[in-house]
Amino acid sequence: MNSPVFICERAEVRLASATGDKVILQGIDLQVGRQEFLCLVGGSGTGKTTLLRALGGFCAPTSGAVLYEGKAFRSPPEGVVTVFQDYGNALLPWRTVRANVALGIEEKISGAELDRRLDTALALVGLQKAEREYPAKLSGGMQQRLQIARALALQPKVLLMDEPFGALDAMTKAKLQDELRNIQASTGATIVFITHDVDEAIYLGDRVVLLAGSPGTIASEIRPPLPARRDQISTKEMPEYLHARHELLERLHGAAR
């Protein structure tokens, strides 16, 4: 692995519940490499979202360590941006597509630099022609593209994505998967991506980490031996893809027993 962006060392996370503090994650040892596409999978209640929130600075480990660029942190680190599944509530309906993308940077930069940043983000997700529209007129896939564009306008080093395509139809999901891999190739961002979809994890991930149990622990990981350039048809017919998919399914079923 190249130099890690994140390091988790025996990290434990406890969160408050109606019956008192509950251990959500326990003994998490994990490194996320620079420019890696890491997928997190596992059953419900295994702590995937909590791990993503810990990486994003939204909750702190109660023991052990979570480090970004070698340093502990207690709030979202600069350069780390989180994209959630609920894209509809993340957008401001009274602002145009372009104005939504400007959120988060319009108070920091202006003029030609702001226009350049917005143009680049919109182009990366293919929304240039819709920049004057309002969110209500966009399809679900376009709304999610808009949320991703807003994240990209911040020029993140890391994108943390919590099931961003989970509510989309199969065709839209496949298109956005390919766009996301292209975006990573062009920006060099590190991506940590939660999914319940085995095919999505194998297709997107350089590495797939399986969480299991309650409290959640890292049960295993798989590195799909796939080329950097992937195709929804030919890649998914490769023996390497089918083998990795079968192996991940077996491990998921084993972890659920």
Protein backbone atom coordinates (compact mmCIF):
# COMPACT_ATOMS: atom_id res chain seq x y z
CA MET A 1 0.00 0.00 0.00
CA ASN A 2 1.14 3.56 -0.69
CA SER A 3 1.36 6.01 2.22
CA PRO A 4 -1.88 5.86 4.20
CA VAL A 5 -4.28 8.80 4.45
CA PHE A 6 -6.12 7.25 7.40
CA ILE A 7 -4.83 4.91 10.08
CA CYS A 8 -7.11 3.25 12.64
CA GLU A 9 -5.30 1.57 15.52
CA ARG A 10 -7.41 -0.67 17.78
CA ALA A 11 -10.15 1.94 17.50
CA GLU A 12 -13.29 1.58 19.59
CA VAL A 13 -16.35 3.79 19.22
CA ARG A 14 -19.12 4.00 21.81
CA LEU A 15 -22.34 5.92 21.18
CA ALA A 16 -25.12 6.90 23.56
CA SER A 17 -28.31 4.85 23.43
CA ALA A 18 -31.54 4.64 25.42
CA THR A 19 -29.97 1.99 27.66
CA GLY A 20 -26.61 3.73 28.06
CA ASP A 21 -23.41 3.81 26.06
CA LYS A 22 -23.17 1.09 23.43
CA VAL A 23 -19.99 -0.17 21.78
CA ILE A 24 -20.53 0.13 18.02
CA LEU A 25 -17.01 -0.62 16.77
CA GLN A 26 -14.26 -2.54 18.51
CA GLY A 27 -10.62 -3.27 17.75
CA ILE A 28 -10.60 -1.60 14.32
CA ASP A 29 -7.18 -1.82 12.65
CA LEU A 30 -7.32 -0.26 9.20
CA GLN A 31 -5.19 1.76 6.82
CA VAL A 32 -6.62 3.63 3.84
CA GLY A 33 -4.06 4.25 1.12
CA ARG A 34 -3.64 7.47 -0.80
CA GLN A 35 -5.80 7.45 -3.97
CA GLU A 36 -7.32 4.12 -2.94
CA PHE A 37 -10.95 3.25 -3.66
CA LEU A 38 -11.99 1.34 -0.52
CA CYS A 39 -15.44 -0.23 -0.21
CA LEU A 40 -16.97 -1.11 3.16
CA VAL A 41 -19.55 -3.90 3.25
CA GLY A 42 -21.31 -5.85 5.98
CA GLY A 43 -24.72 -6.57 7.43
CA SER A 44 -26.93 -3.99 9.11
CA GLY A 45 -25.68 -2.97 12.54
CA THR A 46 -22.02 -3.85 11.92
CA GLY A 47 -20.86 -0.23 12.25
CA LYS A 48 -20.13 0.77 8.66
CA THR A 49 -21.67 4.22 8.94
CA THR A 50 -20.10 4.76 12.35
CA LEU A 51 -16.68 3.94 10.90
CA LEU A 52 -17.28 6.41 8.07
CA ARG A 53 -18.37 9.06 10.58
CA ALA A 54 -15.23 8.44 12.63
CA LEU A 55 -13.09 8.92 9.51
CA GLY A 56 -15.05 12.08 8.74
CA GLY A 57 -14.53 13.59 12.19
CA PHE A 58 -18.20 13.38 13.21
CA CYS A 59 -17.53 11.04 16.13
CA ALA A 60 -14.32 10.31 18.01
CA PRO A 61 -12.92 6.95 19.14
CA THR A 62 -13.39 6.25 22.84
CA SER A 63 -10.18 4.24 22.83
CA GLY A 64 -7.47 3.48 20.32
CA ALA A 65 -6.79 6.01 17.57
CA VAL A 66 -8.10 7.29 14.25
CA LEU A 67 -5.45 9.36 12.44
CA TYR A 68 -5.65 11.50 9.31
CA GLU A 69 -2.30 12.27 7.70
CA GLY A 70 -0.70 10.93 10.88
CA LYS A 71 -2.61 13.20 13.30
CA ALA A 72 -5.60 12.70 15.59
CA PHE A 73 -8.63 14.94 14.96
CA ARG A 74 -11.93 15.82 16.65
CA SER A 75 -13.76 17.56 13.80
CA PRO A 76 -13.95 17.09 10.02
CA PRO A 77 -10.38 17.42 8.72
CA GLU A 78 -9.63 19.88 5.95
CA GLY A 79 -9.75 18.08 2.63
CA VAL A 80 -12.21 15.38 3.77
CA VAL A 81 -15.79 15.64 2.45
CA THR A 82 -18.73 13.32 3.17
CA VAL A 83 -21.50 12.51 0.67
CA PHE A 84 -24.65 10.89 2.07
CA GLN A 85 -27.41 8.84 0.42
CA ASP A 86 -30.19 11.32 1.23
CA TYR A 87 -29.34 13.70 -1.58
CA GLY A 88 -32.78 15.34 -1.67
CA ASN A 89 -32.47 16.83 1.81
CA ALA A 90 -28.87 17.91 1.16
CA LEU A 91 -29.85 20.31 -1.64
CA LEU A 92 -31.36 23.79 -1.26
CA PRO A 93 -34.50 23.88 -3.44
CA TRP A 94 -34.46 27.67 -3.90
CA ARG A 95 -30.96 27.68 -5.37
CA THR A 96 -30.07 26.66 -8.91
CA VAL A 97 -27.78 23.75 -9.67
CA ARG A 98 -24.82 26.11 -10.04
CA ALA A 99 -25.67 27.97 -6.84
CA ASN A 100 -25.97 24.68 -4.93
CA VAL A 101 -22.50 23.68 -6.10
CA ALA A 102 -21.20 27.03 -4.85
CA LEU A 103 -22.25 26.28 -1.26
CA GLY A 104 -19.21 25.89 0.94
CA ILE A 105 -16.81 27.81 -1.30
CA GLU A 106 -18.61 31.04 -2.27
CA GLU A 107 -17.56 32.75 0.97
CA LYS A 108 -13.93 31.75 0.48
CA ILE A 109 -13.32 32.49 -3.20
CA SER A 110 -14.95 34.68 -5.82
CA GLY A 111 -14.72 35.95 -9.37
CA ALA A 112 -12.85 33.95 -11.99
CA GLU A 113 -11.53 31.40 -9.49
CA LEU A 114 -15.05 30.62 -8.24
CA ASP A 115 -16.35 30.30 -11.81
CA ARG A 116 -13.46 28.00 -12.75
CA ARG A 117 -14.06 25.79 -9.71
CA LEU A 118 -17.80 25.55 -10.41
CA ASP A 119 -17.29 24.89 -14.13
CA THR A 120 -14.84 22.08 -13.35
CA ALA A 121 -17.12 20.42 -10.77
CA LEU A 122 -20.16 20.60 -13.05
CA ALA A 123 -18.19 19.20 -15.98
CA LEU A 124 -16.91 16.26 -13.92
CA VAL A 125 -20.49 15.10 -13.25
CA GLY A 126 -21.98 16.15 -16.59
CA LEU A 127 -24.32 18.86 -15.30
CA GLN A 128 -23.11 21.84 -17.33
CA LYS A 129 -26.34 22.04 -19.36
CA ALA A 130 -28.51 21.88 -16.22
CA GLU A 131 -26.70 24.57 -14.22
CA ARG A 132 -29.66 26.99 -14.36
CA GLU A 133 -32.24 24.39 -13.30
CA TYR A 134 -33.57 23.92 -9.76
CA PRO A 135 -33.25 20.62 -7.83
CA ALA A 136 -36.98 19.84 -8.08
CA LYS A 137 -36.66 19.52 -11.85
CA LEU A 138 -33.81 17.00 -11.63
CA SER A 139 -34.08 13.21 -11.57
CA GLY A 140 -32.76 11.30 -8.57
CA GLY A 141 -29.56 10.48 -10.42
CA MET A 142 -29.03 14.13 -11.38
CA GLN A 143 -29.66 15.24 -7.79
CA GLN A 144 -27.00 12.83 -6.59
CA ARG A 145 -24.65 14.11 -9.29
CA LEU A 146 -25.31 17.59 -7.94
CA GLN A 147 -24.40 16.58 -4.40
CA ILE A 148 -21.19 14.99 -5.70
CA ALA A 149 -20.40 18.14 -7.72
CA ARG A 150 -20.77 20.24 -4.58
CA ALA A 151 -18.30 17.97 -2.82
CA LEU A 152 -15.87 18.12 -5.76
CA ALA A 153 -15.97 21.93 -5.79
CA LEU A 154 -14.26 21.77 -2.40
CA GLN A 155 -11.34 19.98 -4.12
CA PRO A 156 -11.28 17.19 -1.53
CA LYS A 157 -8.37 14.88 -0.95
CA VAL A 158 -10.84 12.31 0.41
CA LEU A 159 -14.48 11.53 -0.41
CA LEU A 160 -16.42 9.55 2.20
CA MET A 161 -19.59 8.15 0.64
CA ASP A 162 -22.40 6.45 2.59
CA GLU A 163 -24.46 4.35 0.13
CA PRO A 164 -24.71 7.29 -2.29
CA PHE A 165 -26.35 5.22 -5.04
CA GLY A 166 -28.52 3.02 -2.84
CA ALA A 167 -31.83 4.66 -3.77
CA LEU A 168 -31.21 4.81 -7.53
CA ASP A 169 -32.44 2.50 -10.29
CA ALA A 170 -30.01 -0.04 -11.76
CA MET A 171 -29.24 1.85 -14.98
CA THR A 172 -28.60 5.16 -13.21
CA LYS A 173 -26.51 3.41 -10.58
CA ALA A 174 -24.31 1.75 -13.22
CA LYS A 175 -23.76 5.06 -15.01
CA LEU A 176 -22.81 6.86 -11.79
CA GLN A 177 -20.47 4.04 -10.78
CA ASP A 178 -18.51 4.56 -14.00
CA GLU A 179 -18.57 8.33 -13.59
CA LEU A 180 -17.26 8.02 -10.04
CA ARG A 181 -14.30 5.88 -11.09
CA ASN A 182 -13.55 8.38 -13.87
CA ILE A 183 -13.75 11.25 -11.38
CA GLN A 184 -11.31 9.50 -9.08
CA ALA A 185 -8.90 8.89 -11.97
CA SER A 186 -9.00 12.55 -12.97
CA THR A 187 -8.84 14.09 -9.47
CA GLY A 188 -6.67 11.57 -7.60
CA ALA A 189 -9.05 11.58 -4.63
CA THR A 190 -9.14 8.81 -2.07
CA ILE A 191 -12.64 7.32 -1.79
CA VAL A 192 -14.16 5.33 1.08
CA PHE A 193 -17.53 3.99 -0.05
CA ILE A 194 -20.21 2.10 1.91
CA THR A 195 -22.48 -0.27 0.00
CA HIS A 196 -24.76 -3.25 0.61
CA ASP A 197 -24.41 -4.26 -3.04
CA VAL A 198 -21.82 -7.01 -3.58
CA ASP A 199 -21.51 -6.30 -7.29
CA GLU A 200 -21.02 -2.60 -6.63
CA ALA A 201 -18.29 -3.30 -4.08
CA ILE A 202 -16.34 -5.62 -6.39
CA TYR A 203 -16.78 -3.39 -9.43
CA LEU A 204 -15.73 -0.16 -7.72
CA GLY A 205 -13.26 -1.20 -5.07
CA ASP A 206 -9.51 -1.54 -5.21
CA ARG A 207 -10.12 -3.24 -1.86
CA VAL A 208 -13.27 -4.43 -0.11
CA VAL A 209 -13.34 -4.56 3.70
CA LEU A 210 -16.00 -6.69 5.39
CA LEU A 211 -17.34 -5.66 8.80
CA ALA A 212 -19.19 -8.20 10.92
CA GLY A 213 -20.66 -8.67 14.37
CA SER A 214 -22.00 -6.35 17.02
CA PRO A 215 -19.88 -4.56 18.09
CA GLY A 216 -18.53 -4.38 14.56
CA THR A 217 -15.06 -5.66 13.78
CA ILE A 218 -13.12 -6.12 10.56
CA ALA A 219 -13.72 -9.73 9.57
CA SER A 220 -11.71 -9.87 6.33
CA GLU A 221 -10.80 -8.05 3.15
CA ILE A 222 -10.61 -8.81 -0.57
CA ARG A 223 -8.56 -7.15 -3.30
CA PRO A 224 -10.37 -7.77 -6.60
CA PRO A 225 -7.62 -8.37 -9.22
CA LEU A 226 -9.27 -6.15 -11.82
CA PRO A 227 -7.81 -3.61 -14.25
CA ALA A 228 -7.99 0.09 -13.42
CA ARG A 229 -10.22 0.70 -16.45
CA ARG A 230 -13.48 -1.17 -15.94
CA ASP A 231 -16.59 -1.76 -18.01
CA GLN A 232 -20.05 -2.73 -16.79
CA ILE A 233 -20.27 -5.64 -19.24
CA SER A 234 -16.81 -7.01 -19.99
CA THR A 235 -15.42 -6.53 -16.46
CA LYS A 236 -18.36 -8.35 -14.90
CA GLU A 237 -17.78 -11.30 -17.23
CA MET A 238 -14.11 -11.67 -16.25
CA PRO A 239 -13.24 -14.84 -14.28
CA GLU A 240 -11.40 -12.65 -11.75
CA TYR A 241 -14.55 -10.61 -11.15
CA LEU A 242 -16.76 -13.67 -10.77
CA HIS A 243 -14.29 -15.32 -8.40
CA ALA A 244 -14.02 -12.19 -6.22
CA ARG A 245 -17.81 -11.85 -6.18
CA HIS A 246 -18.25 -15.49 -5.15
CA GLU A 247 -15.61 -15.14 -2.43
CA LEU A 248 -17.21 -12.00 -1.00
CA LEU A 249 -20.67 -13.60 -0.98
CA GLU A 250 -19.29 -16.63 0.86
CA ARG A 251 -17.62 -14.41 3.44
CA LEU A 252 -20.76 -12.32 3.93
CA HIS A 253 -22.86 -15.44 4.46
CA GLY A 254 -20.23 -16.84 6.81
CA ALA A 255 -20.12 -13.63 8.83
CA ALA A 256 -23.92 -13.63 9.18
CA ARG A 257 -24.05 -17.08 10.76
